[in-house]
Amino acid sequence: MFSKKRAKSALESLMYIWGEPLDAAMAAEACDITKAEAVECLEELAEEYEQERRGIMIRKVGNGWQFATRPENAEYIEKLCTPVKTRRLSQAALEVLAIVAYKQPVTKAEIDAIRGIKCDRIMEGLMKKELVEEKGRSTGIGRPILYGTTDTFLKQFGFSTLNDLPEIEDIEDTLMADVPEEASDLQMVMEYGSDT
């Protein structure tokens, strides 16, 4: 018999242990409940955490759910933790990442055409950082690989879904001009090894 209180407790434990965004279907299977029941419990848990303004919140990332710290507590976390060496993505990497985010699924040739320059090395770096991944193959000549963003991209930039991306009417025109203020979210510092 489904007990919402017990399910919520179990889901909290699963999210804590899992670390990465926990897929609702996987969580449901582990708790012997339906996916709909798991989603309902996770949404209620997230609302409870939000209402109580706890230091930990529950955030939806793609099809998964995970614990995250409340943004306003960042300064205290930084004081406690040893600083991590951080590097920004290069302007070129940000441009390629923006094209992939807004045009996905997209081929390297399409990215090259928009930027007017090859993006092979940059794409390798973005894939190494797990911000971009292969999403299948195009039906076009030669069946080139299609690329799209990952859940890591959503997590690092604070988006729940791709619908949260700031609106940019025409990415090609934007890249020819200065980076608009709306795109400033893509300037976030990334905690990765080397510049792309």
Protein backbone atom coordinates (compact mmCIF):
# COMPACT_ATOMS: atom_id res chain seq x y z
CA MET A 1 0.00 0.00 0.00
CA PHE A 2 1.30 3.44 -1.01
CA SER A 3 2.26 5.61 1.96
CA LYS A 4 3.13 9.14 0.83
CA LYS A 5 5.04 9.91 4.05
CA ARG A 6 7.20 6.79 3.67
CA ALA A 7 7.71 7.42 -0.06
CA LYS A 8 8.86 11.01 0.58
CA SER A 9 11.32 9.79 3.20
CA ALA A 10 12.68 7.16 0.82
CA LEU A 11 12.96 9.66 -2.04
CA GLU A 12 14.93 12.07 0.17
CA SER A 13 17.37 9.26 1.00
CA LEU A 14 17.69 8.28 -2.67
CA MET A 15 18.42 11.85 -3.78
CA TYR A 16 20.98 12.27 -1.01
CA ILE A 17 22.82 9.06 -1.93
CA TRP A 18 22.51 9.37 -5.72
CA GLY A 19 24.24 12.78 -6.01
CA GLU A 20 23.31 13.26 -9.67
CA PRO A 21 19.78 14.20 -10.76
CA LEU A 22 17.59 11.19 -9.86
CA ASP A 23 15.29 10.09 -12.67
CA ALA A 24 11.66 9.87 -11.48
CA ALA A 25 11.14 6.47 -13.15
CA MET A 26 14.23 5.02 -11.44
CA ALA A 27 13.13 6.49 -8.10
CA ALA A 28 9.63 5.04 -8.55
CA GLU A 29 11.02 1.59 -9.27
CA ALA A 30 13.28 1.70 -6.21
CA CYS A 31 10.36 2.77 -4.00
CA ASP A 32 7.83 0.32 -5.52
CA ILE A 33 5.49 3.16 -6.51
CA THR A 34 4.32 4.49 -9.85
CA LYS A 35 6.22 7.21 -11.69
CA ALA A 36 3.22 9.54 -11.24
CA GLU A 37 3.29 8.94 -7.48
CA ALA A 38 7.05 9.58 -7.40
CA VAL A 39 6.69 12.85 -9.32
CA GLU A 40 3.84 13.94 -7.03
CA CYS A 41 5.95 13.21 -3.93
CA LEU A 42 9.02 14.94 -5.36
CA GLU A 43 7.01 18.04 -6.28
CA GLU A 44 5.48 18.15 -2.80
CA LEU A 45 8.90 17.72 -1.19
CA ALA A 46 10.31 20.53 -3.32
CA GLU A 47 7.41 22.78 -2.26
CA GLU A 48 7.89 21.91 1.42
CA TYR A 49 11.60 22.74 1.24
CA GLU A 50 10.76 26.01 -0.54
CA GLN A 51 8.07 27.04 1.96
CA GLU A 52 10.42 26.47 4.89
CA ARG A 53 13.26 28.27 3.04
CA ARG A 54 15.68 25.54 4.07
CA GLY A 55 19.35 25.79 3.16
CA ILE A 56 18.87 22.79 0.89
CA MET A 57 16.34 22.85 -1.92
CA ILE A 58 15.11 20.26 -4.37
CA ARG A 59 15.68 21.21 -7.99
CA LYS A 60 14.31 19.58 -11.15
CA VAL A 61 17.00 19.07 -13.80
CA GLY A 62 15.75 17.61 -17.07
CA ASN A 63 13.83 14.47 -16.08
CA GLY A 64 15.60 14.17 -12.75
CA TRP A 65 15.48 15.68 -9.27
CA GLN A 66 18.36 16.56 -6.97
CA PHE A 67 19.34 18.40 -3.82
CA ALA A 68 20.99 21.79 -4.31
CA THR A 69 22.12 24.51 -1.95
CA ARG A 70 20.13 27.73 -1.82
CA PRO A 71 21.86 30.40 -3.96
CA GLU A 72 21.75 33.05 -1.24
CA ASN A 73 23.95 30.85 0.95
CA ALA A 74 26.78 30.72 -1.59
CA GLU A 75 28.99 33.19 0.29
CA TYR A 76 28.93 31.02 3.44
CA ILE A 77 29.72 27.88 1.47
CA GLU A 78 32.63 29.66 -0.22
CA LYS A 79 34.02 30.72 3.18
CA LEU A 80 33.89 27.15 4.46
CA CYS A 81 35.16 25.31 1.42
CA THR A 82 38.67 25.44 0.02
CA PRO A 83 38.50 27.54 -3.14
CA VAL A 84 38.38 25.47 -6.30
CA LYS A 85 40.46 26.65 -9.23
CA THR A 86 37.90 27.98 -11.69
CA ARG A 87 38.24 29.10 -15.26
CA ARG A 88 35.76 30.77 -17.52
CA LEU A 89 34.84 29.32 -20.85
CA SER A 90 36.51 31.25 -23.64
CA GLN A 91 34.39 33.59 -25.77
CA ALA A 92 34.65 31.12 -28.66
CA ALA A 93 33.47 28.24 -26.44
CA LEU A 94 30.54 30.34 -25.19
CA GLU A 95 29.57 31.13 -28.78
CA VAL A 96 29.63 27.46 -29.81
CA LEU A 97 27.76 26.44 -26.64
CA ALA A 98 25.09 29.09 -27.30
CA ILE A 99 24.64 27.88 -30.89
CA VAL A 100 24.28 24.28 -29.72
CA ALA A 101 21.85 25.28 -26.95
CA TYR A 102 19.58 27.34 -29.21
CA LYS A 103 19.82 25.36 -32.47
CA GLN A 104 19.98 21.77 -31.20
CA PRO A 105 20.11 19.21 -32.59
CA VAL A 106 22.82 20.76 -34.76
CA THR A 107 25.78 19.52 -36.85
CA LYS A 108 29.35 20.84 -36.69
CA ALA A 109 28.94 22.09 -40.28
CA GLU A 110 25.94 24.20 -39.22
CA ILE A 111 27.89 25.62 -36.27
CA ASP A 112 30.86 26.37 -38.57
CA ALA A 113 28.52 28.12 -41.04
CA ILE A 114 27.06 30.35 -38.32
CA ARG A 115 30.44 31.27 -36.82
CA GLY A 116 32.39 31.32 -40.09
CA ILE A 117 35.19 29.27 -38.54
CA LYS A 118 35.84 25.60 -37.67
CA CYS A 119 34.70 24.46 -34.23
CA ASP A 120 36.24 20.95 -33.98
CA ARG A 121 38.65 21.70 -31.11
CA ILE A 122 36.05 23.70 -29.19
CA MET A 123 33.45 20.95 -29.56
CA GLU A 124 35.96 18.40 -28.24
CA GLY A 125 36.51 20.58 -25.17
CA LEU A 126 32.78 21.07 -24.57
CA MET A 127 32.20 17.34 -24.87
CA LYS A 128 35.08 16.63 -22.48
CA LYS A 129 33.41 19.01 -20.00
CA GLU A 130 30.16 17.07 -20.59
CA LEU A 131 28.29 20.22 -21.64
CA VAL A 132 27.59 18.89 -25.16
CA GLU A 133 26.91 15.35 -26.40
CA GLU A 134 26.02 13.43 -29.55
CA LYS A 135 22.27 13.25 -30.15
CA GLY A 136 22.15 10.95 -33.16
CA ARG A 137 22.72 11.47 -36.87
CA SER A 138 21.24 13.80 -39.45
CA THR A 139 19.35 12.42 -42.43
CA GLY A 140 21.41 14.74 -44.68
CA ILE A 141 24.25 13.76 -47.01
CA GLY A 142 26.92 11.80 -45.16
CA ARG A 143 24.62 11.49 -42.12
CA PRO A 144 26.66 13.91 -39.95
CA ILE A 145 26.50 13.68 -36.16
CA LEU A 146 23.94 15.89 -34.41
CA TYR A 147 24.89 17.59 -31.15
CA GLY A 148 22.90 18.93 -28.22
CA THR A 149 23.40 20.08 -24.64
CA THR A 150 23.45 17.76 -21.62
CA ASP A 151 21.90 17.68 -18.16
CA THR A 152 25.31 18.86 -16.91
CA PHE A 153 24.82 22.01 -19.02
CA LEU A 154 21.40 22.58 -17.41
CA LYS A 155 22.82 21.97 -13.94
CA GLN A 156 25.90 24.21 -14.35
CA PHE A 157 23.89 27.12 -15.74
CA GLY A 158 21.01 26.76 -13.29
CA PHE A 159 18.32 25.79 -15.81
CA SER A 160 15.63 23.16 -15.16
CA THR A 161 14.86 22.71 -18.85
CA LEU A 162 15.91 24.25 -22.17
CA ASN A 163 12.74 26.36 -21.96
CA ASP A 164 14.52 28.38 -19.25
CA LEU A 165 17.11 29.67 -21.74
CA PRO A 166 16.89 33.44 -22.24
CA GLU A 167 15.08 34.31 -25.45
CA ILE A 168 17.31 35.27 -28.36
CA GLU A 169 15.42 35.80 -31.61
CA ASP A 170 18.26 35.11 -34.03
CA ILE A 171 21.42 33.50 -32.76
CA GLU A 172 23.33 34.25 -35.98
CA ASP A 173 22.70 38.02 -35.67
CA THR A 174 23.47 37.92 -31.96
CA LEU A 175 26.89 36.35 -32.53
CA MET A 176 27.77 39.01 -35.09
CA ALA A 177 26.98 41.74 -32.53
CA ASP A 178 28.03 42.16 -28.90
CA VAL A 179 26.77 39.51 -26.48
CA PRO A 180 23.40 40.79 -25.20
CA GLU A 181 22.66 41.22 -21.50
CA GLU A 182 20.06 38.42 -21.64
CA ALA A 183 22.82 35.98 -22.54
CA SER A 184 24.90 36.92 -19.50
CA ASP A 185 23.81 33.67 -17.82
CA LEU A 186 26.11 31.92 -20.27
CA GLN A 187 29.07 33.80 -18.77
CA MET A 188 28.81 31.76 -15.56
CA VAL A 189 32.13 30.52 -14.18
CA MET A 190 32.58 26.82 -14.90
CA GLU A 191 34.48 24.62 -12.45
CA TYR A 192 36.54 22.69 -14.96
CA GLY A 193 40.20 22.08 -15.70
CA SER A 194 41.26 24.13 -18.72
CA ASP A 195 40.00 26.75 -21.10
CA THR A 196 38.31 25.53 -24.22
